[in-house]
Structures are given as structure tokens and as C-alpha cells.
Amino acid sequence: MKRDWDVIREVLTEIETTPLSERTNLTYGVGAEYPAESASKGEHALLLWKAGFISAIDITTYGGNAILSPELTWQGHELLDTIRSKAVWERIKTIAKEKSIEFTLDSVKALGKLALEWVLAN
């Protein structure tokens, strides 16, 4: 599965902005038990969880892989801080496209610094 950074940004933002009282029931998953239209979000949330950007309760069953009650870890907050601003995020994507840079975690973080400098200067 190809990582879609817009979906990653959406998942991280959704987790951060969901009130704790509602987050305890927030679920991301893939498989027969989960709607097909949310599969991409579920896959990316699971990747973020496995990579340590999200902490959550594993509720995987035979019907599919899933997590419940996600919270951002310190790494998750740092990543979201890099890609949170719409202007900075759009500039990151533009720089990456112009320079033919593959989107990896390291490149997104490095480009985030350049994009922020550009946004502040313009």
C-alpha cells in the first residue's frame, strides 16, 4: 500500500481534535467489519500505530485489524506539528514535486523546515 500523506495528516488531525470523551470510542480498522470507504484511513491509522506515532488498544479480530481509543504519541505530535499548517503542507508538497523528492518521514520533516521558512518569508 502506498502511503498517502494527506490521509496521514487527516488521521493525525482527527485524533488530536477529537475530544477525549469521544476518542475512547474512536476506531480505525480494515476488514469485513469495517466500511470499505474508510479502508484507506484505517490502513494509514494502523501504519501510524505500528510505527509508534499513535498509541491505541489493539482490537484485531478475525473480521479485521483494528485499533480503539487512539492517542498521539510524542512522535505523532511532532509529525503533526510539521504538517499541520495548510500553507506549510502545500509548500512541502510543491517542493517535493519540483525536486522529485520521494515522500518519506525524513524528507517530510526536512521539507517542513524549508516550507516554514518560505511561508514566513513570503
C-alpha atoms as a PDB file:
ATOM      1  CA  MET A   1       0.000   0.000   0.000  1.00  0.00           C
ATOM      2  CA  LYS A   2       1.303   3.404  -0.964  1.00  0.00           C
ATOM      3  CA  ARG A   3       1.363   5.953   1.822  1.00  0.00           C
ATOM      4  CA  ASP A   4      -0.918   8.891   1.192  1.00  0.00           C
ATOM      5  CA  TRP A   5       0.368  11.772   3.273  1.00  0.00           C
ATOM      6  CA  ASP A   6      -2.905  13.675   3.011  1.00  0.00           C
ATOM      7  CA  VAL A   7      -4.664  10.736   4.693  1.00  0.00           C
ATOM      8  CA  ILE A   8      -1.911  10.502   7.310  1.00  0.00           C
ATOM      9  CA  ARG A   9      -2.361  14.220   8.037  1.00  0.00           C
ATOM     10  CA  GLU A  10      -6.136  13.725   8.247  1.00  0.00           C
ATOM     11  CA  VAL A  11      -5.853  10.812  10.704  1.00  0.00           C
ATOM     12  CA  LEU A  12      -3.401  12.637  12.980  1.00  0.00           C
ATOM     13  CA  THR A  13      -5.537  15.782  12.960  1.00  0.00           C
ATOM     14  CA  GLU A  14      -8.718  13.821  13.611  1.00  0.00           C
ATOM     15  CA  ILE A  15      -7.200  12.091  16.623  1.00  0.00           C
ATOM     16  CA  GLU A  16      -5.853  15.335  18.062  1.00  0.00           C
ATOM     17  CA  THR A  17      -9.106  17.253  17.636  1.00  0.00           C
ATOM     18  CA  THR A  18     -11.467  14.522  18.853  1.00  0.00           C
ATOM     19  CA  PRO A  19     -12.418  15.178  22.498  1.00  0.00           C
ATOM     20  CA  LEU A  20     -11.117  12.548  24.909  1.00  0.00           C
ATOM     21  CA  SER A  21     -14.670  11.544  25.871  1.00  0.00           C
ATOM     22  CA  GLU A  22     -15.356  10.676  22.215  1.00  0.00           C
ATOM     23  CA  ARG A  23     -11.879   9.335  21.431  1.00  0.00           C
ATOM     24  CA  THR A  24     -12.412   6.385  23.773  1.00  0.00           C
ATOM     25  CA  ASN A  25     -14.892   5.080  21.180  1.00  0.00           C
ATOM     26  CA  LEU A  26     -12.892   6.104  18.087  1.00  0.00           C
ATOM     27  CA  THR A  27     -11.954   3.092  15.991  1.00  0.00           C
ATOM     28  CA  TYR A  28      -9.815   2.644  12.890  1.00  0.00           C
ATOM     29  CA  GLY A  29      -9.788  -0.666  11.100  1.00  0.00           C
ATOM     30  CA  VAL A  30      -9.744  -2.659   7.900  1.00  0.00           C
ATOM     31  CA  GLY A  31     -11.521  -5.853   7.039  1.00  0.00           C
ATOM     32  CA  ALA A  32     -15.010  -7.279   6.806  1.00  0.00           C
ATOM     33  CA  GLU A  33     -16.202  -5.472   9.951  1.00  0.00           C
ATOM     34  CA  TYR A  34     -15.275  -2.005   8.634  1.00  0.00           C
ATOM     35  CA  PRO A  35     -16.774   0.060   5.802  1.00  0.00           C
ATOM     36  CA  ALA A  36     -14.814  -0.103   2.543  1.00  0.00           C
ATOM     37  CA  GLU A  37     -14.934   3.687   2.172  1.00  0.00           C
ATOM     38  CA  SER A  38     -12.880   4.094   5.351  1.00  0.00           C
ATOM     39  CA  ALA A  39     -10.286   1.438   4.403  1.00  0.00           C
ATOM     40  CA  SER A  40      -7.581   3.947   3.439  1.00  0.00           C
ATOM     41  CA  LYS A  41      -7.943   5.822   6.716  1.00  0.00           C
ATOM     42  CA  GLY A  42      -7.932   2.550   8.622  1.00  0.00           C
ATOM     43  CA  GLU A  43      -4.817   1.301   6.839  1.00  0.00           C
ATOM     44  CA  HIS A  44      -2.955   4.536   7.484  1.00  0.00           C
ATOM     45  CA  ALA A  45      -4.022   4.666  11.129  1.00  0.00           C
ATOM     46  CA  LEU A  46      -2.754   1.119  11.579  1.00  0.00           C
ATOM     47  CA  LEU A  47       0.565   2.070   9.934  1.00  0.00           C
ATOM     48  CA  LEU A  48       0.878   5.083  12.232  1.00  0.00           C
ATOM     49  CA  TRP A  49       0.121   2.859  15.222  1.00  0.00           C
ATOM     50  CA  LYS A  50       2.686   0.228  14.228  1.00  0.00           C
ATOM     51  CA  ALA A  51       5.285   2.945  13.624  1.00  0.00           C
ATOM     52  CA  GLY A  52       4.742   4.444  17.085  1.00  0.00           C
ATOM     53  CA  PHE A  53       3.002   7.686  16.096  1.00  0.00           C
ATOM     54  CA  ILE A  54      -0.239   6.541  17.740  1.00  0.00           C
ATOM     55  CA  SER A  55      -0.849   4.565  20.899  1.00  0.00           C
ATOM     56  CA  ALA A  56      -4.095   2.592  20.983  1.00  0.00           C
ATOM     57  CA  ILE A  57      -5.797  -0.590  22.101  1.00  0.00           C
ATOM     58  CA  ASP A  58      -5.444  -3.478  19.641  1.00  0.00           C
ATOM     59  CA  ILE A  59      -8.933  -4.833  18.909  1.00  0.00           C
ATOM     60  CA  THR A  60      -7.987  -7.049  15.973  1.00  0.00           C
ATOM     61  CA  THR A  61     -10.386  -9.927  15.321  1.00  0.00           C
ATOM     62  CA  TYR A  62     -10.886 -12.488  12.576  1.00  0.00           C
ATOM     63  CA  GLY A  63     -13.055  -9.834  10.914  1.00  0.00           C
ATOM     64  CA  GLY A  64     -10.155  -7.411  10.520  1.00  0.00           C
ATOM     65  CA  ASN A  65      -7.306  -5.460  12.030  1.00  0.00           C
ATOM     66  CA  ALA A  66      -8.322  -2.515  14.186  1.00  0.00           C
ATOM     67  CA  ILE A  67      -7.373  -0.126  16.963  1.00  0.00           C
ATOM     68  CA  LEU A  68      -9.528   1.632  19.545  1.00  0.00           C
ATOM     69  CA  SER A  69      -9.093   4.821  21.574  1.00  0.00           C
ATOM     70  CA  PRO A  70      -6.071   6.226  19.702  1.00  0.00           C
ATOM     71  CA  GLU A  71      -3.832   8.923  21.139  1.00  0.00           C
ATOM     72  CA  LEU A  72      -0.917  10.710  19.556  1.00  0.00           C
ATOM     73  CA  THR A  73       2.481   9.817  20.943  1.00  0.00           C
ATOM     74  CA  TRP A  74       5.229  12.405  21.254  1.00  0.00           C
ATOM     75  CA  GLN A  75       6.408  11.391  17.759  1.00  0.00           C
ATOM     76  CA  GLY A  76       2.865  11.739  16.460  1.00  0.00           C
ATOM     77  CA  HIS A  77       2.592  15.258  17.838  1.00  0.00           C
ATOM     78  CA  GLU A  78       5.939  16.193  16.286  1.00  0.00           C
ATOM     79  CA  LEU A  79       4.904  14.825  12.890  1.00  0.00           C
ATOM     80  CA  LEU A  80       1.570  16.623  13.025  1.00  0.00           C
ATOM     81  CA  ASP A  81       3.295  19.860  14.057  1.00  0.00           C
ATOM     82  CA  THR A  82       5.408  19.551  10.904  1.00  0.00           C
ATOM     83  CA  ILE A  83       2.424  19.072   8.572  1.00  0.00           C
ATOM     84  CA  ARG A  84      -0.407  20.835  10.437  1.00  0.00           C
ATOM     85  CA  SER A  85      -0.418  24.222   8.690  1.00  0.00           C
ATOM     86  CA  LYS A  86      -2.229  24.101   5.355  1.00  0.00           C
ATOM     87  CA  ALA A  87       0.200  26.637   3.840  1.00  0.00           C
ATOM     88  CA  VAL A  88       3.266  24.739   5.047  1.00  0.00           C
ATOM     89  CA  TRP A  89       1.770  21.403   3.971  1.00  0.00           C
ATOM     90  CA  GLU A  90       1.030  22.677   0.453  1.00  0.00           C
ATOM     91  CA  ARG A  91       4.561  24.087   0.218  1.00  0.00           C
ATOM     92  CA  ILE A  92       6.055  20.749   1.338  1.00  0.00           C
ATOM     93  CA  LYS A  93       4.154  19.001  -1.456  1.00  0.00           C
ATOM     94  CA  THR A  94       5.201  21.627  -4.010  1.00  0.00           C
ATOM     95  CA  ILE A  95       8.894  21.425  -3.087  1.00  0.00           C
ATOM     96  CA  ALA A  96       8.812  17.623  -3.144  1.00  0.00           C
ATOM     97  CA  LYS A  97       7.205  17.623  -6.590  1.00  0.00           C
ATOM     98  CA  GLU A  98       9.564  20.270  -8.000  1.00  0.00           C
ATOM     99  CA  LYS A  99      12.644  18.454  -6.708  1.00  0.00           C
ATOM    100  CA  SER A 100      11.300  14.928  -7.405  1.00  0.00           C
ATOM    101  CA  ILE A 101      11.779  14.024  -3.754  1.00  0.00           C
ATOM    102  CA  GLU A 102      10.076  10.870  -2.514  1.00  0.00           C
ATOM    103  CA  PHE A 103       7.813  11.368   0.482  1.00  0.00           C
ATOM    104  CA  THR A 104       9.422   9.670   3.457  1.00  0.00           C
ATOM    105  CA  LEU A 105       9.218  10.630   7.088  1.00  0.00           C
ATOM    106  CA  ASP A 106      12.684  12.160   6.972  1.00  0.00           C
ATOM    107  CA  SER A 107      12.016  14.105   3.771  1.00  0.00           C
ATOM    108  CA  VAL A 108       8.698  15.441   5.107  1.00  0.00           C
ATOM    109  CA  LYS A 109      10.424  16.666   8.277  1.00  0.00           C
ATOM    110  CA  ALA A 110      13.280  18.273   6.327  1.00  0.00           C
ATOM    111  CA  LEU A 111      10.939  19.843   3.792  1.00  0.00           C
ATOM    112  CA  GLY A 112       8.753  21.076   6.642  1.00  0.00           C
ATOM    113  CA  LYS A 113      11.585  23.270   7.887  1.00  0.00           C
ATOM    114  CA  LEU A 114      12.200  24.685   4.393  1.00  0.00           C
ATOM    115  CA  ALA A 115       8.497  25.201   3.780  1.00  0.00           C
ATOM    116  CA  LEU A 116       8.026  27.019   7.079  1.00  0.00           C
ATOM    117  CA  GLU A 117      10.933  29.334   6.293  1.00  0.00           C
ATOM    118  CA  TRP A 118       9.403  30.039   2.851  1.00  0.00           C
ATOM    119  CA  VAL A 119       5.926  30.701   4.280  1.00  0.00           C
ATOM    120  CA  LEU A 120       7.360  33.055   6.911  1.00  0.00           C
ATOM    121  CA  ALA A 121       9.431  34.934   4.325  1.00  0.00           C
ATOM    122  CA  ASN A 122       6.530  35.400   1.881  1.00  0.00           C
END
